[in-house]
């Protein structure tokens, strides 16, 4: 299939889905969630594929939802006559067949194991997305976080909560602090962190290891783990999260934030948001992803 925002490739038993808006750090706009879900469905329906790899092109996995020109990409779903419509927003954002979060959750719902390869920036809605995979392997200098914890958002997939214990989940929910790939692996948010130079090789090795196991065995083990965590309330969390996200996008402070982003640029508002914490774009260069670390599809 021809996609606008993702690439799809199959090599032997491994399918690769690549977020492909590198000029915009693979930020999420329509039709990316729909195309992503379609690509996962393609891999799921292909009997030759046993493992799926998800990655981003260019110098980032994904910069989250794109609000650089405002948040008008989704107006058909969240506004009426130019004004925010809370009823439309919650119905769309929580609907199993419509919500972007649920389309990225196709990684969770496919019976095939999904390895997410993270490099560069993986922030905001991107981290909610990446953590829906089964295994997450990052470059050590990747930056993973939820800056929306400070302004303009809420947890969407809830996977930060389910991958961390109460102590750390509460800390990162309240502060939105950034984690390097190494730090994320050390606290158990992701599975592994390696030098960027070894990232693609390591992901390929893990994918080939999984591909050596019978497909039915992989499906059985993924199913039992998923159901254990679904019994802990993932579905309920994924209803509450997008509703709160809609509310937090429309507080007086949030409206001023996104309006300034549209007129003055994202950097202007992120300086104010992240400056007191000294992270994300306001971190010293040595604490940001190396811009020379680029994935070429």
Foldseek 3Di string as FASTA:
>chain_A
DDDDFWDWDDDFQEIEIEGPPQVQLSADAPPVLVVLLVRLVVLLPDPRHQEYEYAYFAQWRYPYHDLLQHNCRCCVQAHDPPHGDLVSQLCQCLDCVHHSLNSLLSQLVRLHAYEYETGFEQEAVSLLSNLSGDAYEYAQLHKYWYLCLQAQFFRAQCSLDVQADPVVSVVRSNPRDIDGRVRCCVRRSHPYYHHLVCRVVVVVVVSVVSVVDDSVVSSVVSVVVSVVVVVVPSSVCNSVRSSVSSVRCPDPVNVVLSVCSSVVNNVVSVCVSCVVVCDDVNPPPVNGGDSVSGDDD
